Protein backbone atom coordinates (compact mmCIF):
# COMPACT_ATOMS: atom_id res chain seq x y z
CA MET A 1 4.72 69.24 131.16
CA ARG A 2 8.15 69.74 129.66
CA LEU A 3 10.26 72.40 131.36
CA PRO A 4 12.09 75.07 129.31
CA ARG A 5 15.72 74.35 128.61
CA PHE A 6 16.95 77.13 130.90
CA THR A 7 15.52 75.53 134.02
CA LYS A 8 15.30 72.13 135.69
CA PRO A 9 13.04 70.30 138.15
CA TYR A 10 14.24 71.36 141.61
CA HIS A 11 13.45 70.20 145.13
CA LEU A 12 12.39 72.81 147.69
CA ARG A 13 14.46 71.02 150.34
CA ASP A 14 17.61 71.93 148.38
CA TYR A 15 16.84 75.65 148.44
CA LYS A 16 19.34 77.37 150.75
CA PHE A 17 16.91 79.45 152.79
CA SER A 18 19.66 80.10 155.33
CA LEU A 19 21.60 82.11 152.72
CA VAL A 20 18.45 84.03 151.78
CA PHE A 21 17.82 84.84 155.45
CA LEU A 22 21.39 86.09 155.97
CA VAL A 23 21.24 88.32 152.90
CA LEU A 24 17.85 89.77 153.85
CA ALA A 25 18.93 90.38 157.45
CA LEU A 26 22.01 92.28 156.25
CA SER A 27 19.90 94.22 153.75
CA MET A 28 17.48 95.26 156.49
CA ILE A 29 20.36 96.65 158.50
CA GLY A 30 21.51 98.42 155.34
CA ILE A 31 18.10 100.03 154.83
CA LEU A 32 18.10 101.32 158.42
CA ALA A 33 21.70 102.55 158.20
CA VAL A 34 21.16 104.31 154.86
CA GLY A 35 17.99 105.94 156.18
CA SER A 36 19.87 107.19 159.22
CA ALA A 37 22.80 108.43 157.13
CA LYS A 38 20.70 110.22 154.48
CA ALA A 39 16.94 109.75 154.84
CA ILE A 40 16.32 110.86 151.26
CA TYR A 41 17.95 107.67 149.94
CA GLN A 42 16.06 105.17 152.11
CA PRO A 43 13.03 104.72 149.77
CA ARG A 44 15.36 103.97 146.85
CA GLN A 45 17.30 101.51 149.00
CA ILE A 46 14.04 99.74 149.92
CA PHE A 47 13.14 99.58 146.23
CA GLY A 48 16.62 98.21 145.45
CA VAL A 49 16.26 95.44 148.03
CA ALA A 50 12.75 94.53 146.82
CA PHE A 51 13.75 94.53 143.16
CA GLY A 52 17.00 92.70 143.91
CA PHE A 53 15.10 90.06 145.87
CA CYS A 54 12.81 89.44 142.87
CA VAL A 55 15.84 89.20 140.58
CA MET A 56 17.45 86.73 143.00
CA ILE A 57 14.39 84.45 143.01
CA VAL A 58 14.12 84.43 139.22
CA VAL A 59 17.86 83.86 138.68
CA SER A 60 17.93 81.09 141.29
CA LEU A 61 15.53 79.08 139.12
CA ILE A 62 17.60 79.49 135.94
CA ASP A 63 20.11 76.70 135.31
CA TYR A 64 23.57 78.23 135.82
CA VAL A 65 25.06 75.57 133.51
CA TRP A 66 22.78 76.79 130.71
CA VAL A 67 23.74 80.43 131.40
CA CYS A 68 27.45 79.60 131.40
CA ASP A 69 27.10 77.94 127.99
CA PHE A 70 26.86 81.50 126.66
CA TYR A 71 30.04 82.48 128.48
CA TRP A 72 31.63 84.30 125.54
CA LEU A 73 28.51 86.43 125.12
CA LEU A 74 28.64 87.23 128.84
CA TYR A 75 32.27 88.31 128.50
CA LEU A 76 31.62 90.44 125.42
CA PHE A 77 28.63 92.09 127.11
CA ALA A 78 30.73 92.84 130.23
CA VAL A 79 33.47 94.40 128.10
CA ALA A 80 30.89 96.33 126.05
CA ILE A 81 29.21 97.96 129.05
CA LEU A 82 32.59 98.82 130.56
CA ALA A 83 33.71 100.36 127.27
CA ALA A 84 30.43 102.29 126.99
CA VAL A 85 31.40 104.29 130.09
CA ILE A 86 34.19 106.04 128.17
CA PRO A 87 31.98 107.83 125.58
CA PHE A 88 28.64 107.82 127.44
CA GLY A 89 29.66 107.94 131.10
CA GLU A 90 28.61 110.77 133.36
CA LYS A 91 31.62 112.57 134.82
CA VAL A 92 31.44 113.00 138.60
CA ASN A 93 34.40 114.27 140.64
CA GLY A 94 36.76 113.67 137.71
CA ALA A 95 35.71 110.03 137.12
CA ARG A 96 33.42 108.40 134.55
CA ARG A 97 31.91 105.39 136.32
CA TRP A 98 28.18 105.82 135.78
CA ILE A 99 25.84 105.92 132.78
CA ASP A 100 22.74 108.07 133.15
CA LEU A 101 19.68 106.03 132.09
CA GLY A 102 17.27 108.88 132.75
CA PHE A 103 15.38 107.29 135.64
CA THR A 104 18.55 106.17 137.44
CA THR A 105 22.31 105.84 137.03
CA PHE A 106 23.95 102.55 136.12
CA GLN A 107 27.46 101.54 137.20
CA PRO A 108 28.68 98.89 134.70
CA SER A 109 31.64 97.73 136.80
CA GLU A 110 29.29 96.32 139.47
CA LEU A 111 27.39 94.12 137.01
CA ALA A 112 30.60 93.27 135.15
CA LYS A 113 32.05 91.63 138.28
CA ILE A 114 29.20 89.10 138.35
CA LEU A 115 29.39 88.45 134.60
CA LEU A 116 33.16 87.94 134.75
CA ILE A 117 32.79 85.38 137.54
CA LEU A 118 30.37 83.41 135.34
CA PHE A 119 32.62 83.71 132.29
CA PHE A 120 35.84 82.64 133.97
CA ALA A 121 34.07 79.83 135.84
CA LYS A 122 33.18 78.29 132.47
CA PHE A 123 36.53 79.22 130.91
CA ILE A 124 38.45 77.47 133.68
CA MET A 125 36.10 74.47 133.43
CA GLU A 126 36.93 74.22 129.72
CA HIS A 127 40.66 74.28 130.54
CA THR A 128 40.66 71.94 133.53
CA GLU A 129 43.36 69.72 132.03
CA ASP A 130 45.73 72.52 131.02
CA ILE A 131 44.93 75.25 133.55
CA SER A 132 48.59 75.46 134.60
CA ASP A 133 49.86 75.51 131.02
CA LYS A 134 51.76 78.68 130.05
CA PHE A 135 49.60 79.34 126.99
CA THR A 136 46.39 79.00 129.03
CA LEU A 137 47.73 81.35 131.70
CA VAL A 138 48.62 83.92 129.05
CA LYS A 139 45.08 83.71 127.63
CA TYR A 140 43.65 84.04 131.13
CA ALA A 141 45.84 87.07 131.83
CA VAL A 142 44.84 88.78 128.56
CA LEU A 143 41.14 88.10 129.10
CA CYS A 144 41.44 89.48 132.64
CA GLY A 145 43.47 92.47 131.48
CA ILE A 146 40.90 93.85 129.01
CA PRO A 147 38.09 94.54 131.52
CA LEU A 148 40.57 95.58 134.21
CA VAL A 149 42.10 98.20 131.93
CA LEU A 150 38.64 99.52 131.07
CA ILE A 151 37.84 99.87 134.78
CA VAL A 152 41.14 101.52 135.69
CA VAL A 153 40.81 104.19 132.98
CA GLU A 154 37.47 105.42 134.41
CA PRO A 155 39.46 105.84 136.75
CA ASN A 156 38.36 103.36 139.43
CA LEU A 157 41.48 101.88 140.98
CA SER A 158 39.68 100.39 144.00
CA THR A 159 37.24 98.38 141.88
CA THR A 160 40.13 97.34 139.64
CA ILE A 161 42.04 95.95 142.62
CA CYS A 162 38.93 94.24 144.01
CA THR A 163 38.08 92.65 140.63
CA ALA A 164 41.68 91.58 140.06
CA LEU A 165 41.77 89.83 143.44
CA VAL A 166 38.53 87.99 142.65
CA LEU A 167 39.88 86.86 139.26
CA CYS A 168 43.03 85.57 140.95
CA LEU A 169 40.86 83.68 143.43
CA LEU A 170 38.88 82.05 140.61
CA ILE A 171 41.90 80.44 138.97
CA PHE A 172 43.17 79.33 142.38
CA VAL A 173 39.85 77.58 143.05
CA GLY A 174 40.08 76.18 139.52
CA GLY A 175 43.15 74.16 140.45
CA LEU A 176 46.19 76.26 139.59
CA ARG A 177 49.35 74.55 140.79
CA TYR A 178 50.77 75.78 144.08
CA ARG A 179 54.22 76.08 142.51
CA ILE A 180 52.90 78.64 140.04
CA ILE A 181 51.05 80.50 142.80
CA GLY A 182 54.29 80.68 144.80
CA THR A 183 56.16 82.00 141.76
CA ILE A 184 53.51 84.68 141.23
CA PHE A 185 53.84 85.84 144.85
CA VAL A 186 57.63 85.97 144.53
CA ILE A 187 57.19 88.31 141.56
CA LEU A 188 54.23 90.35 142.82
CA ILE A 189 55.51 91.26 146.29
CA PRO A 190 58.72 92.99 145.12
CA THR A 191 56.79 94.55 142.22
CA ALA A 192 54.21 96.00 144.65
CA LEU A 193 56.96 97.42 146.86
CA ILE A 194 58.69 99.00 143.86
CA PHE A 195 55.35 100.40 142.68
CA LEU A 196 54.64 101.96 146.07
CA SER A 197 58.12 103.46 146.27
CA ILE A 198 57.56 105.11 142.87
CA VAL A 199 54.02 106.43 143.37
CA VAL A 200 54.92 108.33 146.54
CA GLN A 201 57.45 110.43 144.62
CA PRO A 202 56.42 114.02 143.76
CA ASP A 203 56.86 113.63 139.99
CA GLN A 204 55.30 110.18 139.55
CA LYS A 205 53.03 109.59 136.50
CA LEU A 206 51.45 106.23 137.37
CA LEU A 207 48.56 107.48 139.50
CA LYS A 208 46.22 110.46 139.51
CA ASP A 209 47.09 113.16 142.03
CA TYR A 210 44.13 112.33 144.29
CA GLN A 211 45.08 108.63 144.26
CA GLN A 212 48.64 109.46 145.28
CA GLN A 213 47.38 111.73 148.06
CA ARG A 214 45.25 108.93 149.48
CA ILE A 215 48.30 106.67 149.73
CA LEU A 216 50.38 109.46 151.28
CA ALA A 217 47.57 110.23 153.73
CA PHE A 218 47.53 106.57 154.76
CA ILE A 219 51.30 106.60 155.35
CA GLU A 220 51.33 109.99 157.12
CA PRO A 221 47.77 110.59 158.43
CA GLU A 222 48.81 113.44 160.73
CA LYS A 223 50.25 115.44 157.84
CA TYR A 224 47.00 115.18 155.86
CA ALA A 225 44.64 115.35 158.84
CA ASN A 226 42.73 118.36 157.51
CA ASP A 227 42.26 117.24 153.90
CA THR A 228 42.86 113.78 152.41
CA ALA A 229 42.82 111.87 155.73
CA TYR A 230 39.95 113.96 157.10
CA GLN A 231 37.13 111.51 156.31
CA GLN A 232 38.95 108.43 157.56
CA ARG A 233 39.92 110.09 160.84
CA ASN A 234 36.32 111.16 161.36
CA ALA A 235 35.09 107.66 160.48
CA VAL A 236 37.37 106.14 163.12
CA MET A 237 36.16 108.77 165.60
CA ALA A 238 32.54 107.92 164.78
CA ILE A 239 33.08 104.18 165.23
CA GLY A 240 34.87 104.71 168.54
CA SER A 241 32.21 107.09 169.84
CA GLY A 242 29.55 104.41 169.41
CA GLN A 243 31.16 102.38 172.20
CA LEU A 244 29.32 99.14 173.05
CA THR A 245 25.70 99.73 172.03
CA GLY A 246 25.87 102.91 169.92
CA LYS A 247 23.95 106.18 170.02
CA GLY A 248 20.89 104.77 168.27
CA LEU A 249 19.64 105.07 164.71
CA ASN A 250 18.35 108.47 163.58
CA ASN A 251 19.66 110.09 166.74
CA ASN A 252 19.97 113.87 166.92
CA THR A 253 22.91 113.94 169.33
CA THR A 254 24.90 117.12 168.80
CA THR A 255 28.18 115.25 169.31
CA SER A 256 27.39 112.84 166.48
CA VAL A 257 30.01 112.81 163.71
CA LYS A 258 27.24 112.06 161.20
CA ASN A 259 24.98 114.87 162.40
CA GLY A 260 27.90 117.28 162.17
CA ASN A 261 28.37 116.38 158.47
CA PHE A 262 32.00 115.44 159.10
CA ILE A 263 31.74 112.50 156.67
CA ALA A 264 30.84 113.11 153.03
CA GLU A 265 28.48 110.60 151.39
CA PRO A 266 28.07 108.49 154.57
CA GLN A 267 25.42 106.31 152.88
CA THR A 268 27.97 104.72 150.52
CA ASP A 269 31.68 104.16 151.16
CA PHE A 270 31.60 105.09 154.87
CA ILE A 271 28.36 103.38 155.84
CA PHE A 272 30.29 101.23 158.35
CA ALA A 273 31.15 104.41 160.27
CA ILE A 274 27.41 105.09 160.63
CA ILE A 275 26.87 101.52 161.86
CA GLY A 276 29.72 101.84 164.35
CA GLU A 277 28.48 105.15 165.73
CA GLU A 278 24.77 104.34 165.90
CA LEU A 279 24.75 100.58 166.56
CA GLY A 280 28.02 100.39 168.47
CA PHE A 281 30.46 97.53 168.80
CA ILE A 282 27.64 94.99 169.01
CA GLY A 283 25.99 96.24 165.81
CA SER A 284 29.33 96.30 163.99
CA CYS A 285 30.06 92.73 165.05
CA ILE A 286 26.60 91.61 163.86
CA VAL A 287 27.24 93.12 160.41
CA ILE A 288 30.68 91.51 160.16
CA ALA A 289 29.28 88.16 161.37
CA LEU A 290 26.49 88.26 158.75
CA LEU A 291 29.01 89.01 156.00
CA LEU A 292 31.26 86.20 157.20
CA LEU A 293 28.37 83.72 157.35
CA ILE A 294 27.35 84.66 153.78
CA VAL A 295 30.88 83.98 152.58
CA ILE A 296 30.97 80.64 154.41
CA GLN A 297 27.58 79.64 153.00
CA CYS A 298 28.76 80.40 149.46
CA ILE A 299 31.92 78.34 149.95
CA LEU A 300 29.99 75.41 151.40
CA ILE A 301 27.55 75.46 148.49
CA GLY A 302 30.52 75.56 146.12
CA THR A 303 32.21 72.54 147.70
CA ARG A 304 29.02 70.52 147.21
CA SER A 305 28.54 71.61 143.60
CA GLN A 306 27.97 69.04 140.88
CA ASN A 307 30.84 70.42 138.76
CA LEU A 308 33.82 72.76 138.78
CA THR A 309 31.85 75.60 137.17
CA GLY A 310 29.40 75.68 140.08
CA LYS A 311 32.24 75.50 142.58
CA ILE A 312 34.00 78.48 141.01
CA VAL A 313 30.78 80.50 140.70
CA SER A 314 29.90 80.01 144.37
CA CYS A 315 33.40 80.42 145.78
CA GLY A 316 34.07 83.35 143.46
CA PHE A 317 30.95 85.18 144.60
CA GLY A 318 31.77 84.42 148.22
CA GLY A 319 35.26 85.77 147.60
CA LEU A 320 33.82 88.93 146.08
CA ILE A 321 31.71 89.54 149.19
CA GLY A 322 34.68 88.87 151.46
CA ILE A 323 37.13 91.06 149.53
CA GLN A 324 34.73 93.99 149.15
CA SER A 325 33.78 93.81 152.83
CA PHE A 326 37.42 93.75 153.93
CA ILE A 327 38.29 96.75 151.76
CA ASN A 328 35.26 98.80 152.83
CA ILE A 329 35.65 98.11 156.54
CA GLY A 330 39.44 98.47 156.27
CA VAL A 331 39.01 101.97 154.81
CA ALA A 332 36.45 102.99 157.45
CA THR A 333 38.78 101.82 160.24
CA GLN A 334 41.87 103.36 158.58
CA ILE A 335 43.79 100.11 158.17
CA LEU A 336 43.71 100.62 154.37
CA PRO A 337 44.13 103.75 152.21
CA ASN A 338 40.94 105.68 151.46
CA THR A 339 39.18 104.14 148.46
CA GLY A 340 35.62 103.75 147.25
CA VAL A 341 34.16 100.25 147.45
CA PRO A 342 30.58 99.66 148.70
CA LEU A 343 29.86 97.42 151.68
CA PRO A 344 27.87 94.49 150.19
CA PHE A 345 24.10 94.62 150.80
CA VAL A 346 24.55 97.60 153.16
CA SER A 347 25.86 100.60 151.20
CA TYR A 348 23.48 102.65 149.09
CA GLY A 349 23.73 101.92 145.36
CA LEU A 350 21.08 100.25 143.20
CA THR A 351 23.46 98.75 140.63
CA SER A 352 25.62 97.19 143.32
CA LEU A 353 22.63 95.95 145.30
CA VAL A 354 20.80 94.34 142.37
CA SER A 355 24.03 92.86 140.96
CA LEU A 356 24.86 91.26 144.30
CA TYR A 357 21.34 89.81 144.59
CA MET A 358 21.81 88.40 141.09
CA GLY A 359 25.03 86.78 142.27
CA VAL A 360 23.20 85.24 145.23
CA GLY A 361 20.63 83.87 142.78
CA PHE A 362 23.30 82.02 140.83
CA VAL A 363 24.78 80.62 144.05
CA LEU A 364 21.31 79.43 145.11
CA ASN A 365 20.89 77.68 141.75
CA VAL A 366 24.21 75.92 142.27
CA GLY A 367 22.84 74.71 145.61
CA LEU A 368 19.63 73.52 143.97
CA GLN A 369 21.58 71.09 141.80
CA PRO A 370 22.96 68.44 144.20
CA LYS A 371 26.31 66.83 143.59
CA LYS A 372 26.29 63.82 141.34
CA TYR A 373 28.19 60.93 142.86
CA GLN A 374 29.82 58.48 140.47
């Protein structure tokens, strides 16, 4: 029987069940944490994990090389859904990031991150010989800039930064010369310092007022303790109060920061505070360890890929998990300014959850195609 073009004959022994186990274990913790944070969202989180798991299995059997052959269509679709947010997006708290589909809301930026990894993996593969050429770098910058601008105008600065870091990682994995990387850092570091010195001024026009306040609250938390820095301070308090083993899931302790409603939307951006308070230091370490192991697994699969496209797809997805996790946990522990990025596989959010499972599926397919030795 001849297989369809979009798949190949695979060997079960090449299926990375260890990665599947890690993702499911983390998702189970996420279901418990979301249910404890806001019980009303737990059934939807369970549905998201189940649906995402099915998507992962299907995608893992689809040849990623075949998918990446349509890389320009993937890019155009990513740009289209990001652009659709502007006229059709639902405005929540001053931002248009979601499209109401009737039965659920869809956040295009979460899916776009996966599609952009696939696109640029193929794009870099096509420019292996001239990846450090000035003209190629300009093209790469322009192609990166279009979706990033669409995300930042939502406005969604945190996702813009996260996506930008992933796109930088992709071209680094693709073989960009170290001399050029050094030059970029020499330019970016002073630029970032100048940018920060401008945005903290009272009459600055570069950021929205709430974005500026988050940066100021990070610099002077005591001054903004009762407003902008309020959630982060309470998150740190919650994590610390969990001590070694935590207060237990679904506890009704009166001293609980969660039970006192001192953290808004604890099931999303501040889910790590719930984990710290209810599962303690041990539970927090388990979550961080699972995230780290997922990143390592993705990198290992990438290093054994049969081509550069697979390497970039796997390492890029691993980088996405690592960067998002660092930002989310950094915000919850107040080592980064307050910003909204979900904790992978843990935070509530169907679009994010299903998109991440899709990403895992592509990584698994890379692992199913063993490296060809010449």
